[in-house]
């Protein structure tokens, strides 16, 4: 019956230590949204500006999120977002880059 006396420490989806991490969770969400946006728009040649810029910002927010992350779940989500942002960024750069067609 010892397990009945243990507190529930799985309070949040991303906070495995039982403490809230609002900044880390926000960075995780932003990185995932930017990564998915960059990855999806990289499949279209004429959306290289959106793809490359969202990928670059996604890489920066994901790297900062990795630096201040606390739990393994946060790091896992950040790695997924970073990977998608990286692929989208590099494909966007291959299709025209950050300023391609503007000047």
N, C-alpha and C. Protein backbone atom coordinates (compact mmCIF):
# COMPACT_ATOMS: atom_id res chain seq x y z
N UNK A 1 0.80 -1.19 0.00
CA UNK A 1 0.00 0.00 0.00
C UNK A 1 0.85 1.26 0.00
N UNK A 2 2.15 1.14 -0.17
CA UNK A 2 3.00 2.31 -0.18
C UNK A 2 2.72 3.21 -1.37
N UNK A 3 2.34 2.62 -2.51
CA UNK A 3 2.06 3.43 -3.67
C UNK A 3 0.83 4.32 -3.49
N UNK A 4 -0.06 3.96 -2.60
CA UNK A 4 -1.23 4.79 -2.34
C UNK A 4 -0.86 6.06 -1.58
N UNK A 5 0.26 6.08 -0.92
CA UNK A 5 0.67 7.24 -0.14
C UNK A 5 1.56 8.20 -0.92
N UNK A 6 2.04 7.81 -2.08
CA UNK A 6 2.91 8.68 -2.88
C UNK A 6 2.09 9.79 -3.53
N UNK A 7 2.64 10.99 -3.56
CA UNK A 7 1.94 12.07 -4.26
C UNK A 7 2.05 11.90 -5.77
N UNK A 8 1.07 12.41 -6.47
CA UNK A 8 1.07 12.36 -7.92
C UNK A 8 1.99 13.47 -8.44
N UNK A 9 3.14 13.10 -8.97
CA UNK A 9 4.11 14.10 -9.44
C UNK A 9 4.00 14.34 -10.94
N UNK A 10 3.12 13.68 -11.61
CA UNK A 10 2.96 13.86 -13.06
C UNK A 10 1.95 14.96 -13.34
N UNK A 11 2.09 16.11 -12.67
CA UNK A 11 1.12 17.19 -12.74
C UNK A 11 0.84 17.70 -14.13
N UNK A 12 1.84 17.92 -14.96
CA UNK A 12 1.62 18.45 -16.28
C UNK A 12 2.13 17.51 -17.35
N UNK A 13 1.79 17.85 -18.55
CA UNK A 13 2.23 17.00 -19.66
C UNK A 13 3.74 17.09 -19.87
N UNK A 14 4.31 18.28 -19.70
CA UNK A 14 5.73 18.46 -19.95
C UNK A 14 6.55 18.60 -18.68
N UNK A 15 5.92 18.78 -17.53
CA UNK A 15 6.65 18.97 -16.29
C UNK A 15 6.70 17.65 -15.53
N UNK A 16 7.71 16.86 -15.78
CA UNK A 16 7.82 15.56 -15.12
C UNK A 16 8.36 15.68 -13.70
N UNK A 17 8.83 16.86 -13.33
CA UNK A 17 9.30 17.04 -11.97
C UNK A 17 8.23 17.61 -11.06
N UNK A 18 7.03 17.82 -11.57
CA UNK A 18 5.92 18.29 -10.76
C UNK A 18 5.87 19.79 -10.59
N UNK A 19 6.80 20.52 -11.17
CA UNK A 19 6.83 21.98 -11.06
C UNK A 19 6.41 22.60 -12.39
N UNK A 20 5.77 23.75 -12.36
CA UNK A 20 5.40 24.41 -13.61
C UNK A 20 6.61 25.06 -14.28
N UNK A 21 6.64 24.98 -15.61
CA UNK A 21 7.70 25.60 -16.41
C UNK A 21 7.04 26.38 -17.55
N UNK A 22 6.46 27.53 -17.26
CA UNK A 22 5.71 28.24 -18.32
C UNK A 22 6.59 28.75 -19.45
N UNK A 23 7.79 29.24 -19.15
CA UNK A 23 8.67 29.74 -20.21
C UNK A 23 9.12 28.60 -21.12
N UNK A 24 9.52 27.50 -20.54
CA UNK A 24 9.98 26.37 -21.33
C UNK A 24 8.84 25.79 -22.18
N UNK A 25 7.64 25.73 -21.61
CA UNK A 25 6.50 25.23 -22.37
C UNK A 25 6.13 26.17 -23.51
N UNK A 26 6.25 27.47 -23.28
CA UNK A 26 5.96 28.43 -24.35
C UNK A 26 6.99 28.32 -25.47
N UNK A 27 8.27 28.18 -25.11
CA UNK A 27 9.30 28.01 -26.13
C UNK A 27 9.11 26.71 -26.90
N UNK A 28 8.68 25.67 -26.21
CA UNK A 28 8.40 24.40 -26.88
C UNK A 28 7.28 24.57 -27.89
N UNK A 29 6.20 25.23 -27.50
CA UNK A 29 5.07 25.42 -28.41
C UNK A 29 5.46 26.28 -29.61
N UNK A 30 6.19 27.36 -29.36
CA UNK A 30 6.61 28.24 -30.45
C UNK A 30 7.54 27.51 -31.41
N UNK A 31 8.47 26.74 -30.87
CA UNK A 31 9.40 26.00 -31.72
C UNK A 31 8.67 24.97 -32.56
N UNK A 32 7.72 24.26 -31.97
CA UNK A 32 6.96 23.27 -32.74
C UNK A 32 6.13 23.93 -33.85
N UNK A 33 5.47 25.04 -33.55
CA UNK A 33 4.65 25.71 -34.56
C UNK A 33 5.52 26.25 -35.68
N UNK A 34 6.63 26.89 -35.33
CA UNK A 34 7.54 27.41 -36.36
C UNK A 34 8.18 26.29 -37.17
N UNK A 35 8.54 25.21 -36.52
CA UNK A 35 9.14 24.08 -37.21
C UNK A 35 8.18 23.43 -38.20
N UNK A 36 6.95 23.22 -37.76
CA UNK A 36 5.95 22.61 -38.66
C UNK A 36 5.64 23.55 -39.82
N UNK A 37 5.50 24.85 -39.53
CA UNK A 37 5.23 25.82 -40.59
C UNK A 37 6.38 25.85 -41.60
N UNK A 38 7.59 25.88 -41.10
CA UNK A 38 8.75 25.91 -41.99
C UNK A 38 8.85 24.65 -42.82
N UNK A 39 8.61 23.50 -42.20
CA UNK A 39 8.71 22.23 -42.91
C UNK A 39 7.65 22.12 -44.01
N UNK A 40 6.42 22.50 -43.69
CA UNK A 40 5.34 22.38 -44.67
C UNK A 40 5.52 23.37 -45.81
N UNK A 41 5.88 24.61 -45.50
CA UNK A 41 6.03 25.60 -46.57
C UNK A 41 7.29 25.36 -47.40
N UNK A 42 8.23 24.58 -46.89
CA UNK A 42 9.43 24.28 -47.68
C UNK A 42 9.11 23.38 -48.86
N UNK A 43 7.98 22.73 -48.85
CA UNK A 43 7.61 21.85 -49.95
C UNK A 43 7.13 22.63 -51.17
N UNK A 44 6.92 23.93 -51.01
CA UNK A 44 6.46 24.78 -52.10
C UNK A 44 7.57 25.76 -52.46
N UNK A 45 8.00 25.72 -53.71
CA UNK A 45 9.16 26.50 -54.14
C UNK A 45 8.95 28.00 -53.97
N UNK A 46 7.74 28.48 -54.19
CA UNK A 46 7.51 29.93 -54.15
C UNK A 46 7.31 30.47 -52.72
N UNK A 47 7.31 29.62 -51.72
CA UNK A 47 7.17 30.06 -50.33
C UNK A 47 8.50 30.02 -49.59
N UNK A 48 9.60 30.21 -50.32
CA UNK A 48 10.91 30.09 -49.70
C UNK A 48 11.17 31.17 -48.66
N UNK A 49 10.58 32.35 -48.82
CA UNK A 49 10.78 33.41 -47.81
C UNK A 49 10.17 33.01 -46.47
N UNK A 50 8.94 32.54 -46.51
CA UNK A 50 8.27 32.11 -45.28
C UNK A 50 8.99 30.91 -44.67
N UNK A 51 9.38 29.99 -45.50
CA UNK A 51 10.04 28.78 -45.02
C UNK A 51 11.38 29.09 -44.38
N UNK A 52 12.19 29.92 -45.02
CA UNK A 52 13.52 30.19 -44.48
C UNK A 52 13.46 31.05 -43.23
N UNK A 53 12.58 32.03 -43.18
CA UNK A 53 12.51 32.89 -41.98
C UNK A 53 11.90 32.15 -40.79
N UNK A 54 10.83 31.38 -41.01
CA UNK A 54 10.26 30.63 -39.88
C UNK A 54 11.23 29.56 -39.41
N UNK A 55 11.98 28.98 -40.34
CA UNK A 55 12.98 28.01 -39.95
C UNK A 55 14.09 28.62 -39.12
N UNK A 56 14.56 29.80 -39.52
CA UNK A 56 15.62 30.48 -38.77
C UNK A 56 15.16 30.87 -37.37
N UNK A 57 13.98 31.44 -37.26
CA UNK A 57 13.45 31.82 -35.94
C UNK A 57 13.17 30.57 -35.11
N UNK A 58 12.69 29.50 -35.75
CA UNK A 58 12.47 28.24 -35.03
C UNK A 58 13.75 27.63 -34.50
N UNK A 59 14.81 27.74 -35.26
CA UNK A 59 16.11 27.23 -34.79
C UNK A 59 16.60 28.03 -33.60
N UNK A 60 16.44 29.35 -33.66
CA UNK A 60 16.90 30.20 -32.56
C UNK A 60 16.09 29.96 -31.30
N UNK A 61 14.76 29.90 -31.41
CA UNK A 61 13.94 29.66 -30.21
C UNK A 61 14.15 28.25 -29.68
N UNK A 62 14.33 27.29 -30.57
CA UNK A 62 14.58 25.92 -30.12
C UNK A 62 15.92 25.77 -29.42
N UNK A 63 16.93 26.47 -29.92
CA UNK A 63 18.24 26.41 -29.27
C UNK A 63 18.20 27.04 -27.89
N UNK A 64 17.51 28.17 -27.76
CA UNK A 64 17.38 28.79 -26.44
C UNK A 64 16.54 27.91 -25.51
N UNK A 65 15.51 27.29 -26.05
CA UNK A 65 14.70 26.37 -25.25
C UNK A 65 15.50 25.18 -24.77
N UNK A 66 16.37 24.66 -25.61
CA UNK A 66 17.24 23.56 -25.19
C UNK A 66 18.18 24.00 -24.08
N UNK A 67 18.65 25.22 -24.17
CA UNK A 67 19.59 25.72 -23.19
C UNK A 67 18.97 25.85 -21.81
N UNK A 68 17.68 26.25 -21.74
CA UNK A 68 17.04 26.45 -20.43
C UNK A 68 16.07 25.34 -20.06
N UNK A 69 15.96 24.30 -20.88
CA UNK A 69 15.00 23.23 -20.59
C UNK A 69 15.39 22.48 -19.32
N UNK A 70 14.36 21.92 -18.67
CA UNK A 70 14.56 21.27 -17.39
C UNK A 70 14.28 19.77 -17.48
N UNK A 71 13.25 19.39 -18.21
CA UNK A 71 12.84 18.00 -18.23
C UNK A 71 13.11 17.35 -19.58
N UNK A 72 13.12 16.05 -19.58
CA UNK A 72 13.38 15.29 -20.80
C UNK A 72 12.24 15.46 -21.80
N UNK A 73 11.02 15.54 -21.33
CA UNK A 73 9.90 15.72 -22.24
C UNK A 73 10.01 17.04 -23.00
N UNK A 74 10.43 18.09 -22.33
CA UNK A 74 10.63 19.37 -23.02
C UNK A 74 11.71 19.24 -24.08
N UNK A 75 12.78 18.59 -23.74
CA UNK A 75 13.88 18.43 -24.69
C UNK A 75 13.47 17.60 -25.90
N UNK A 76 12.65 16.58 -25.68
CA UNK A 76 12.19 15.75 -26.78
C UNK A 76 11.36 16.56 -27.77
N UNK A 77 10.42 17.33 -27.27
CA UNK A 77 9.60 18.17 -28.15
C UNK A 77 10.41 19.23 -28.85
N UNK A 78 11.38 19.80 -28.14
CA UNK A 78 12.23 20.81 -28.76
C UNK A 78 13.08 20.22 -29.87
N UNK A 79 13.55 19.02 -29.70
CA UNK A 79 14.34 18.37 -30.75
C UNK A 79 13.49 18.13 -31.99
N UNK A 80 12.24 17.73 -31.81
CA UNK A 80 11.35 17.55 -32.96
C UNK A 80 11.13 18.87 -33.70
N UNK A 81 10.87 19.92 -32.94
CA UNK A 81 10.68 21.23 -33.55
C UNK A 81 11.94 21.75 -34.22
N UNK A 82 13.08 21.54 -33.57
CA UNK A 82 14.35 21.96 -34.15
C UNK A 82 14.65 21.21 -35.45
N UNK A 83 14.37 19.94 -35.49
CA UNK A 83 14.60 19.16 -36.70
C UNK A 83 13.74 19.64 -37.85
N UNK A 84 12.46 19.87 -37.58
CA UNK A 84 11.56 20.35 -38.63
C UNK A 84 11.95 21.75 -39.08
N UNK A 85 12.33 22.61 -38.13
CA UNK A 85 12.75 23.96 -38.49
C UNK A 85 14.05 23.94 -39.30
N UNK A 86 14.96 23.06 -38.94
CA UNK A 86 16.21 22.96 -39.68
C UNK A 86 16.01 22.49 -41.11
N UNK A 87 15.19 21.47 -41.28
CA UNK A 87 14.91 20.98 -42.64
C UNK A 87 14.21 22.06 -43.45
N UNK A 88 13.22 22.70 -42.86
CA UNK A 88 12.52 23.78 -43.56
C UNK A 88 13.42 24.94 -43.90
N UNK A 89 14.31 25.30 -42.96
CA UNK A 89 15.24 26.39 -43.20
C UNK A 89 16.17 26.07 -44.36
N UNK A 90 16.77 24.89 -44.36
CA UNK A 90 17.73 24.56 -45.41
C UNK A 90 17.05 24.39 -46.76
N UNK A 91 15.85 23.85 -46.80
CA UNK A 91 15.14 23.77 -48.08
C UNK A 91 14.72 25.15 -48.56
N UNK A 92 14.32 26.01 -47.63
CA UNK A 92 14.00 27.39 -48.01
C UNK A 92 15.22 28.12 -48.54
N UNK A 93 16.37 27.86 -47.95
CA UNK A 93 17.61 28.48 -48.45
C UNK A 93 17.96 27.94 -49.84
N UNK A 94 17.70 26.68 -50.06
CA UNK A 94 18.00 26.09 -51.37
C UNK A 94 17.06 26.62 -52.45
N UNK A 95 15.84 27.00 -52.06
CA UNK A 95 14.87 27.48 -53.04
C UNK A 95 14.97 28.97 -53.31
N UNK A 96 15.76 29.70 -52.55
CA UNK A 96 15.89 31.13 -52.83
C UNK A 96 16.43 31.93 -51.68
N UNK A 97 16.40 31.39 -50.49
CA UNK A 97 17.02 32.07 -49.37
C UNK A 97 16.15 33.06 -48.63
N UNK A 98 16.78 33.78 -47.73
CA UNK A 98 16.09 34.73 -46.87
C UNK A 98 15.63 35.97 -47.62
N UNK A 99 16.38 36.40 -48.63
CA UNK A 99 16.05 37.61 -49.36
C UNK A 99 15.92 37.37 -50.86
N UNK A 100 15.85 36.12 -51.29
CA UNK A 100 15.79 35.79 -52.71
C UNK A 100 14.58 36.37 -53.39
N UNK A 101 14.81 37.13 -54.44
CA UNK A 101 13.72 37.71 -55.22
C UNK A 101 13.27 39.07 -54.71
N UNK A 102 13.80 39.55 -53.59
CA UNK A 102 13.38 40.86 -53.08
C UNK A 102 14.21 41.99 -53.65
N UNK A 103 15.48 41.72 -53.95
CA UNK A 103 16.37 42.77 -54.42
C UNK A 103 16.77 42.52 -55.85
